[in-house]
């Protein structure tokens, strides 16, 4: 589990949080300003900014966003992908993408600021940040090999129509950044929120396997959707 490597996040939470310097909202995201390039992708929507994770924190905070029981009912992530400790989740989800990390213990600060290497397995993840306040809002992903997308939102950003916005961003990412003509997504038939968000994002029903195995080994019923666009492109972020 992710928080096993961050002892001071649990033992020094109060004092270190007071030491963090918060920048004004207007200066958010210095790491992702500009256009796609050098292996980096940036997608903007009305309320979200999505970008290729650049440092370890860009993966840790979105992992915390999807580690609660409500999200895991549908996601079924592997145990090593979860942030199980509630206080650690709350800390990550209180942070903004531009927070100064100097208040953390040096060991934890080093781990959070570690630069990520570019993946070579055809799997592309995007970290989602809420534009209004800069907090980490969730994540989405596209598998270049299958065209399948996934995504989730942090508890504070659910039930606000952001799911459709997140999936529309994934569609844009697949068609206009990665050159995919067809983007696919699966959902459990009883997951009305996910199915509604996919429909609102322009997905239509599509054939697919009736059963699907999640990362935690659970096998679920599945229904499938797709979004097709003949005119595609690849951006300077590369694939």
C-alpha atoms as a PDB file:
ATOM      1  CA  UNK A   1       0.000   0.000   0.000  1.00  0.00           C
ATOM      2  CA  UNK A   2       1.226   3.468  -0.877  1.00  0.00           C
ATOM      3  CA  UNK A   3       1.119   4.972   2.621  1.00  0.00           C
ATOM      4  CA  UNK A   4       3.411   2.297   4.094  1.00  0.00           C
ATOM      5  CA  UNK A   5       6.309   4.352   2.711  1.00  0.00           C
ATOM      6  CA  UNK A   6       5.228   7.596   4.371  1.00  0.00           C
ATOM      7  CA  UNK A   7       5.511   7.280   8.146  1.00  0.00           C
ATOM      8  CA  UNK A   8       5.750  11.016   8.820  1.00  0.00           C
ATOM      9  CA  UNK A   9       2.542  11.678   6.916  1.00  0.00           C
ATOM     10  CA  UNK A  10       0.772   9.982   9.800  1.00  0.00           C
ATOM     11  CA  UNK A  11       2.935  11.014  12.751  1.00  0.00           C
ATOM     12  CA  UNK A  12       3.572  14.673  11.886  1.00  0.00           C
ATOM     13  CA  UNK A  13       0.434  15.576   9.934  1.00  0.00           C
ATOM     14  CA  UNK A  14      -0.585  18.602  12.027  1.00  0.00           C
ATOM     15  CA  UNK A  15       2.739  20.412  12.298  1.00  0.00           C
ATOM     16  CA  UNK A  16       3.880  19.813   8.756  1.00  0.00           C
ATOM     17  CA  UNK A  17       0.572  20.942   7.250  1.00  0.00           C
ATOM     18  CA  UNK A  18       0.870  24.272   9.047  1.00  0.00           C
ATOM     19  CA  UNK A  19       4.308  24.704   7.501  1.00  0.00           C
ATOM     20  CA  UNK A  20       3.093  24.402   3.899  1.00  0.00           C
ATOM     21  CA  UNK A  21       3.116  27.600   1.885  1.00  0.00           C
ATOM     22  CA  UNK A  22      -0.022  27.966  -0.250  1.00  0.00           C
ATOM     23  CA  UNK A  23       0.313  29.921  -3.468  1.00  0.00           C
ATOM     24  CA  UNK A  24      -2.569  32.028  -4.860  1.00  0.00           C
ATOM     25  CA  UNK A  25      -4.943  30.119  -7.133  1.00  0.00           C
ATOM     26  CA  UNK A  26      -3.813  32.176 -10.134  1.00  0.00           C
ATOM     27  CA  UNK A  27      -0.329  30.619 -10.008  1.00  0.00           C
ATOM     28  CA  UNK A  28      -1.491  27.000 -10.071  1.00  0.00           C
ATOM     29  CA  UNK A  29       0.231  24.327 -12.163  1.00  0.00           C
ATOM     30  CA  UNK A  30       3.658  25.754 -12.959  1.00  0.00           C
ATOM     31  CA  UNK A  31       4.766  22.214 -13.881  1.00  0.00           C
ATOM     32  CA  UNK A  32       2.250  21.838 -16.709  1.00  0.00           C
ATOM     33  CA  UNK A  33       1.993  25.214 -18.359  1.00  0.00           C
ATOM     34  CA  UNK A  34       2.313  25.239 -22.099  1.00  0.00           C
ATOM     35  CA  UNK A  35       1.429  22.801 -24.824  1.00  0.00           C
ATOM     36  CA  UNK A  36       2.035  19.092 -25.286  1.00  0.00           C
ATOM     37  CA  UNK A  37       5.589  18.108 -26.001  1.00  0.00           C
ATOM     38  CA  UNK A  38       8.581  16.059 -24.923  1.00  0.00           C
ATOM     39  CA  UNK A  39       6.441  13.099 -23.929  1.00  0.00           C
ATOM     40  CA  UNK A  40       3.995  15.235 -21.972  1.00  0.00           C
ATOM     41  CA  UNK A  41       0.281  15.632 -22.698  1.00  0.00           C
ATOM     42  CA  UNK A  42      -2.007  18.393 -21.464  1.00  0.00           C
ATOM     43  CA  UNK A  43      -5.800  18.387 -21.868  1.00  0.00           C
ATOM     44  CA  UNK A  44      -8.043  21.205 -20.656  1.00  0.00           C
ATOM     45  CA  UNK A  45     -11.797  21.201 -20.114  1.00  0.00           C
ATOM     46  CA  UNK A  46     -14.137  23.713 -18.505  1.00  0.00           C
ATOM     47  CA  UNK A  47     -13.381  22.719 -14.905  1.00  0.00           C
ATOM     48  CA  UNK A  48     -10.476  20.313 -15.128  1.00  0.00           C
ATOM     49  CA  UNK A  49      -6.846  20.425 -16.162  1.00  0.00           C
ATOM     50  CA  UNK A  50      -5.417  17.013 -17.018  1.00  0.00           C
ATOM     51  CA  UNK A  51      -1.762  16.300 -17.617  1.00  0.00           C
ATOM     52  CA  UNK A  52       0.760  13.502 -17.815  1.00  0.00           C
ATOM     53  CA  UNK A  53       1.989  12.773 -14.261  1.00  0.00           C
ATOM     54  CA  UNK A  54       5.420  14.326 -13.839  1.00  0.00           C
ATOM     55  CA  UNK A  55       6.319  13.607 -10.205  1.00  0.00           C
ATOM     56  CA  UNK A  56       5.324  10.808  -7.850  1.00  0.00           C
ATOM     57  CA  UNK A  57       2.798  13.028  -6.046  1.00  0.00           C
ATOM     58  CA  UNK A  58       0.887  13.300  -9.323  1.00  0.00           C
ATOM     59  CA  UNK A  59       0.204   9.565  -8.980  1.00  0.00           C
ATOM     60  CA  UNK A  60      -0.179   9.343  -5.190  1.00  0.00           C
ATOM     61  CA  UNK A  61      -2.896  11.986  -4.879  1.00  0.00           C
ATOM     62  CA  UNK A  62      -5.094  10.506  -7.650  1.00  0.00           C
ATOM     63  CA  UNK A  63      -4.616   7.065  -6.079  1.00  0.00           C
ATOM     64  CA  UNK A  64      -5.966   8.509  -2.833  1.00  0.00           C
ATOM     65  CA  UNK A  65      -8.902   9.954  -4.788  1.00  0.00           C
ATOM     66  CA  UNK A  66     -10.043   6.472  -5.763  1.00  0.00           C
ATOM     67  CA  UNK A  67      -9.132   4.468  -2.648  1.00  0.00           C
ATOM     68  CA  UNK A  68     -12.289   5.005  -0.578  1.00  0.00           C
ATOM     69  CA  UNK A  69     -14.928   2.283  -0.241  1.00  0.00           C
ATOM     70  CA  UNK A  70     -17.432   3.963  -2.581  1.00  0.00           C
ATOM     71  CA  UNK A  71     -14.918   4.134  -5.426  1.00  0.00           C
ATOM     72  CA  UNK A  72     -13.503   0.680  -4.820  1.00  0.00           C
ATOM     73  CA  UNK A  73     -16.944  -0.877  -5.082  1.00  0.00           C
ATOM     74  CA  UNK A  74     -16.602  -0.234  -8.807  1.00  0.00           C
ATOM     75  CA  UNK A  75     -12.862   0.078  -9.423  1.00  0.00           C
ATOM     76  CA  UNK A  76     -11.557  -3.045  -7.691  1.00  0.00           C
ATOM     77  CA  UNK A  77      -7.933  -1.884  -7.677  1.00  0.00           C
ATOM     78  CA  UNK A  78      -4.987  -4.039  -6.666  1.00  0.00           C
ATOM     79  CA  UNK A  79      -4.001  -3.684  -2.985  1.00  0.00           C
ATOM     80  CA  UNK A  80      -0.666  -2.056  -3.881  1.00  0.00           C
ATOM     81  CA  UNK A  81      -2.525   0.704  -5.762  1.00  0.00           C
ATOM     82  CA  UNK A  82      -4.527   1.846  -2.728  1.00  0.00           C
ATOM     83  CA  UNK A  83      -4.101   4.453  -0.025  1.00  0.00           C
ATOM     84  CA  UNK A  84      -5.969   2.704   2.765  1.00  0.00           C
ATOM     85  CA  UNK A  85      -5.308   4.991   5.730  1.00  0.00           C
ATOM     86  CA  UNK A  86      -8.084   7.591   5.928  1.00  0.00           C
ATOM     87  CA  UNK A  87      -5.891  10.384   7.331  1.00  0.00           C
ATOM     88  CA  UNK A  88      -3.348   9.892   4.571  1.00  0.00           C
ATOM     89  CA  UNK A  89      -6.090  10.046   1.953  1.00  0.00           C
ATOM     90  CA  UNK A  90      -7.434  13.237   3.478  1.00  0.00           C
ATOM     91  CA  UNK A  91      -3.991  14.804   3.450  1.00  0.00           C
ATOM     92  CA  UNK A  92      -3.341  14.020  -0.208  1.00  0.00           C
ATOM     93  CA  UNK A  93      -6.799  15.258  -1.211  1.00  0.00           C
ATOM     94  CA  UNK A  94      -6.316  18.513   0.693  1.00  0.00           C
ATOM     95  CA  UNK A  95      -3.206  19.289  -1.326  1.00  0.00           C
ATOM     96  CA  UNK A  96      -3.036  21.444  -4.408  1.00  0.00           C
ATOM     97  CA  UNK A  97      -0.910  20.712  -7.436  1.00  0.00           C
ATOM     98  CA  UNK A  98       1.311  23.719  -6.724  1.00  0.00           C
ATOM     99  CA  UNK A  99       1.811  23.265  -2.967  1.00  0.00           C
ATOM    100  CA  UNK A 100       5.256  23.895  -1.556  1.00  0.00           C
ATOM    101  CA  UNK A 101       6.340  20.589   0.015  1.00  0.00           C
ATOM    102  CA  UNK A 102       9.024  22.033   2.264  1.00  0.00           C
ATOM    103  CA  UNK A 103       6.978  21.305   5.391  1.00  0.00           C
ATOM    104  CA  UNK A 104       7.257  17.561   4.909  1.00  0.00           C
ATOM    105  CA  UNK A 105       9.992  15.379   6.323  1.00  0.00           C
ATOM    106  CA  UNK A 106      12.934  15.280   3.847  1.00  0.00           C
ATOM    107  CA  UNK A 107      12.442  11.576   3.130  1.00  0.00           C
ATOM    108  CA  UNK A 108       8.772  12.008   2.287  1.00  0.00           C
ATOM    109  CA  UNK A 109       9.387  15.173   0.278  1.00  0.00           C
ATOM    110  CA  UNK A 110      12.000  13.361  -1.808  1.00  0.00           C
ATOM    111  CA  UNK A 111       9.590  10.501  -2.537  1.00  0.00           C
ATOM    112  CA  UNK A 112       6.756  12.809  -3.532  1.00  0.00           C
ATOM    113  CA  UNK A 113       8.950  14.948  -5.781  1.00  0.00           C
ATOM    114  CA  UNK A 114      10.642  12.021  -7.528  1.00  0.00           C
ATOM    115  CA  UNK A 115      10.439  12.492 -11.293  1.00  0.00           C
ATOM    116  CA  UNK A 116       8.597   9.766 -13.175  1.00  0.00           C
ATOM    117  CA  UNK A 117       9.990   7.931 -16.148  1.00  0.00           C
ATOM    118  CA  UNK A 118       7.957   7.686 -19.326  1.00  0.00           C
ATOM    119  CA  UNK A 119       6.035   4.411 -19.570  1.00  0.00           C
ATOM    120  CA  UNK A 120       6.641   2.162 -22.550  1.00  0.00           C
ATOM    121  CA  UNK A 121       3.714  -0.269 -22.212  1.00  0.00           C
ATOM    122  CA  UNK A 122       1.145   1.742 -24.188  1.00  0.00           C
ATOM    123  CA  UNK A 123      -0.745   2.840 -21.074  1.00  0.00           C
ATOM    124  CA  UNK A 124      -1.275   6.596 -20.732  1.00  0.00           C
ATOM    125  CA  UNK A 125      -2.529   8.163 -17.510  1.00  0.00           C
ATOM    126  CA  UNK A 126      -3.612  11.737 -16.936  1.00  0.00           C
ATOM    127  CA  UNK A 127      -3.802  13.404 -13.534  1.00  0.00           C
ATOM    128  CA  UNK A 128      -6.878  15.623 -13.117  1.00  0.00           C
ATOM    129  CA  UNK A 129      -6.746  18.883 -11.178  1.00  0.00           C
ATOM    130  CA  UNK A 130      -9.777  21.046 -10.385  1.00  0.00           C
ATOM    131  CA  UNK A 131      -9.146  24.417 -12.011  1.00  0.00           C
ATOM    132  CA  UNK A 132     -11.071  26.506  -9.456  1.00  0.00           C
ATOM    133  CA  UNK A 133      -8.963  25.571  -6.413  1.00  0.00           C
ATOM    134  CA  UNK A 134      -6.056  23.520  -7.730  1.00  0.00           C
ATOM    135  CA  UNK A 135      -6.778  20.372  -5.728  1.00  0.00           C
ATOM    136  CA  UNK A 136      -6.202  16.923  -7.173  1.00  0.00           C
ATOM    137  CA  UNK A 137      -9.595  15.787  -8.482  1.00  0.00           C
ATOM    138  CA  UNK A 138      -8.935  12.315  -9.890  1.00  0.00           C
ATOM    139  CA  UNK A 139      -7.471  10.686 -12.969  1.00  0.00           C
ATOM    140  CA  UNK A 140      -8.238   9.129 -16.316  1.00  0.00           C
ATOM    141  CA  UNK A 141      -6.296   6.803 -18.602  1.00  0.00           C
ATOM    142  CA  UNK A 142      -6.202   5.397 -22.114  1.00  0.00           C
ATOM    143  CA  UNK A 143      -4.708   2.073 -23.155  1.00  0.00           C
ATOM    144  CA  UNK A 144      -3.232   2.598 -26.619  1.00  0.00           C
ATOM    145  CA  UNK A 145      -3.399  -1.130 -27.407  1.00  0.00           C
ATOM    146  CA  UNK A 146      -7.103  -1.699 -26.689  1.00  0.00           C
ATOM    147  CA  UNK A 147      -8.433   1.852 -26.806  1.00  0.00           C
ATOM    148  CA  UNK A 148     -10.020   1.341 -23.387  1.00  0.00           C
ATOM    149  CA  UNK A 149     -10.343   4.262 -21.016  1.00  0.00           C
ATOM    150  CA  UNK A 150     -10.896   4.423 -17.277  1.00  0.00           C
ATOM    151  CA  UNK A 151     -11.265   7.120 -14.696  1.00  0.00           C
ATOM    152  CA  UNK A 152     -12.435   8.221 -11.258  1.00  0.00           C
ATOM    153  CA  UNK A 153     -13.021  11.325  -9.174  1.00  0.00           C
ATOM    154  CA  UNK A 154     -12.188  12.239  -5.590  1.00  0.00           C
ATOM    155  CA  UNK A 155     -15.150  12.266  -3.160  1.00  0.00           C
ATOM    156  CA  UNK A 156     -15.433  16.087  -3.109  1.00  0.00           C
ATOM    157  CA  UNK A 157     -15.823  16.217  -6.888  1.00  0.00           C
ATOM    158  CA  UNK A 158     -18.461  13.537  -7.436  1.00  0.00           C
ATOM    159  CA  UNK A 159     -22.126  14.185  -8.332  1.00  0.00           C
ATOM    160  CA  UNK A 160     -21.325  17.503  -9.994  1.00  0.00           C
ATOM    161  CA  UNK A 161     -21.333  16.430 -13.637  1.00  0.00           C
ATOM    162  CA  UNK A 162     -17.554  16.165 -13.653  1.00  0.00           C
ATOM    163  CA  UNK A 163     -17.663  12.492 -14.622  1.00  0.00           C
ATOM    164  CA  UNK A 164     -18.910  13.381 -18.092  1.00  0.00           C
ATOM    165  CA  UNK A 165     -16.271  16.101 -18.314  1.00  0.00           C
ATOM    166  CA  UNK A 166     -13.576  13.630 -17.291  1.00  0.00           C
ATOM    167  CA  UNK A 167     -14.671  11.115 -19.927  1.00  0.00           C
ATOM    168  CA  UNK A 168     -14.934  13.806 -22.616  1.00  0.00           C
ATOM    169  CA  UNK A 169     -11.344  14.695 -21.803  1.00  0.00           C
ATOM    170  CA  UNK A 170     -10.375  11.034 -22.194  1.00  0.00           C
ATOM    171  CA  UNK A 171     -12.128  10.996 -25.570  1.00  0.00           C
ATOM    172  CA  UNK A 172     -10.219  14.096 -26.661  1.00  0.00           C
ATOM    173  CA  UNK A 173      -6.997  12.544 -25.418  1.00  0.00           C
ATOM    174  CA  UNK A 174      -7.587   9.317 -27.342  1.00  0.00           C
ATOM    175  CA  UNK A 175      -8.703  10.861 -30.631  1.00  0.00           C
ATOM    176  CA  UNK A 176      -6.675  14.073 -30.829  1.00  0.00           C
ATOM    177  CA  UNK A 177      -3.527  13.202 -28.908  1.00  0.00           C
ATOM    178  CA  UNK A 178      -3.021   9.454 -29.431  1.00  0.00           C
ATOM    179  CA  UNK A 179      -4.608   9.028 -32.882  1.00  0.00           C
ATOM    180  CA  UNK A 180      -7.251   6.457 -31.891  1.00  0.00           C
ATOM    181  CA  UNK A 181     -10.381   6.204 -34.030  1.00  0.00           C
ATOM    182  CA  UNK A 182     -12.297   4.207 -31.430  1.00  0.00           C
ATOM    183  CA  UNK A 183     -12.215   4.707 -27.680  1.00  0.00           C
ATOM    184  CA  UNK A 184     -13.942   2.097 -25.520  1.00  0.00           C
ATOM    185  CA  UNK A 185     -15.115   1.915 -21.929  1.00  0.00           C
ATOM    186  CA  UNK A 186     -16.677  -0.748 -19.743  1.00  0.00           C
ATOM    187  CA  UNK A 187     -18.987  -0.344 -16.768  1.00  0.00           C
ATOM    188  CA  UNK A 188     -20.869  -2.585 -14.398  1.00  0.00           C
ATOM    189  CA  UNK A 189     -24.578  -2.590 -15.373  1.00  0.00           C
ATOM    190  CA  UNK A 190     -25.621  -1.359 -11.920  1.00  0.00           C
ATOM    191  CA  UNK A 191     -23.127   1.546 -11.964  1.00  0.00           C
ATOM    192  CA  UNK A 192     -25.643   4.160 -13.093  1.00  0.00           C
ATOM    193  CA  UNK A 193     -23.298   7.086 -12.373  1.00  0.00           C
ATOM    194  CA  UNK A 194     -20.560   5.786 -14.664  1.00  0.00           C
ATOM    195  CA  UNK A 195     -22.982   4.743 -17.399  1.00  0.00           C
ATOM    196  CA  UNK A 196     -24.717   8.115 -17.274  1.00  0.00           C
ATOM    197  CA  UNK A 197     -21.400   9.962 -17.457  1.00  0.00           C
ATOM    198  CA  UNK A 198     -20.299   7.896 -20.458  1.00  0.00           C
ATOM    199  CA  UNK A 199     -23.581   8.578 -22.262  1.00  0.00           C
ATOM    200  CA  UNK A 200     -23.317  12.297 -21.483  1.00  0.00           C
ATOM    201  CA  UNK A 201     -19.775  12.249 -22.886  1.00  0.00           C
ATOM    202  CA  UNK A 202     -21.072  10.914 -26.223  1.00  0.00           C
ATOM    203  CA  UNK A 203     -20.413   7.184 -25.838  1.00  0.00           C
ATOM    204  CA  UNK A 204     -22.834   4.705 -27.406  1.00  0.00           C
ATOM    205  CA  UNK A 205     -23.470   1.027 -26.517  1.00  0.00           C
ATOM    206  CA  UNK A 206     -21.002  -1.422 -28.067  1.00  0.00           C
ATOM    207  CA  UNK A 207     -20.370  -5.182 -28.028  1.00  0.00           C
ATOM    208  CA  UNK A 208     -17.936  -6.578 -25.498  1.00  0.00           C
ATOM    209  CA  UNK A 209     -17.362  -9.457 -23.067  1.00  0.00           C
ATOM    210  CA  UNK A 210     -20.195  -9.982 -20.618  1.00  0.00           C
ATOM    211  CA  UNK A 211     -17.814 -10.592 -17.719  1.00  0.00           C
ATOM    212  CA  UNK A 212     -14.709  -8.714 -16.649  1.00  0.00           C
ATOM    213  CA  UNK A 213     -12.042  -9.397 -13.999  1.00  0.00           C
ATOM    214  CA  UNK A 214     -10.969  -6.426 -11.874  1.00  0.00           C
ATOM    215  CA  UNK A 215      -7.483  -5.853 -10.517  1.00  0.00           C
ATOM    216  CA  UNK A 216      -8.418  -7.247  -7.095  1.00  0.00           C
ATOM    217  CA  UNK A 217      -9.583 -10.497  -8.711  1.00  0.00           C
ATOM    218  CA  UNK A 218     -13.316  -9.867  -8.539  1.00  0.00           C
ATOM    219  CA  UNK A 219     -15.268 -10.916 -11.616  1.00  0.00           C
ATOM    220  CA  UNK A 220     -18.160  -8.627 -12.513  1.00  0.00           C
ATOM    221  CA  UNK A 221     -20.844  -8.244 -15.153  1.00  0.00           C
ATOM    222  CA  UNK A 222     -19.923  -5.654 -17.753  1.00  0.00           C
ATOM    223  CA  UNK A 223     -21.582  -3.521 -20.403  1.00  0.00           C
ATOM    224  CA  UNK A 224     -19.541  -1.697 -23.021  1.00  0.00           C
ATOM    225  CA  UNK A 225     -19.544   1.652 -24.768  1.00  0.00           C
ATOM    226  CA  UNK A 226     -17.538   3.253 -27.526  1.00  0.00           C
ATOM    227  CA  UNK A 227     -16.823   6.657 -29.019  1.00  0.00           C
ATOM    228  CA  UNK A 228     -15.817   6.728 -32.691  1.00  0.00           C
ATOM    229  CA  UNK A 229     -14.188   9.582 -34.597  1.00  0.00           C
ATOM    230  CA  UNK A 230     -12.758   9.154 -38.061  1.00  0.00           C
ATOM    231  CA  UNK A 231     -10.660  12.338 -38.062  1.00  0.00           C
ATOM    232  CA  UNK A 232      -7.795  11.792 -35.594  1.00  0.00           C
ATOM    233  CA  UNK A 233      -4.411  13.301 -34.887  1.00  0.00           C
ATOM    234  CA  UNK A 234      -1.298  12.866 -32.770  1.00  0.00           C
ATOM    235  CA  UNK A 235       0.078  15.748 -30.786  1.00  0.00           C
ATOM    236  CA  UNK A 236       3.657  16.726 -29.978  1.00  0.00           C
ATOM    237  CA  UNK A 237       3.466  14.749 -26.726  1.00  0.00           C
ATOM    238  CA  UNK A 238       4.217  11.636 -28.717  1.00  0.00           C
ATOM    239  CA  UNK A 239       3.063   8.095 -28.026  1.00  0.00           C
END
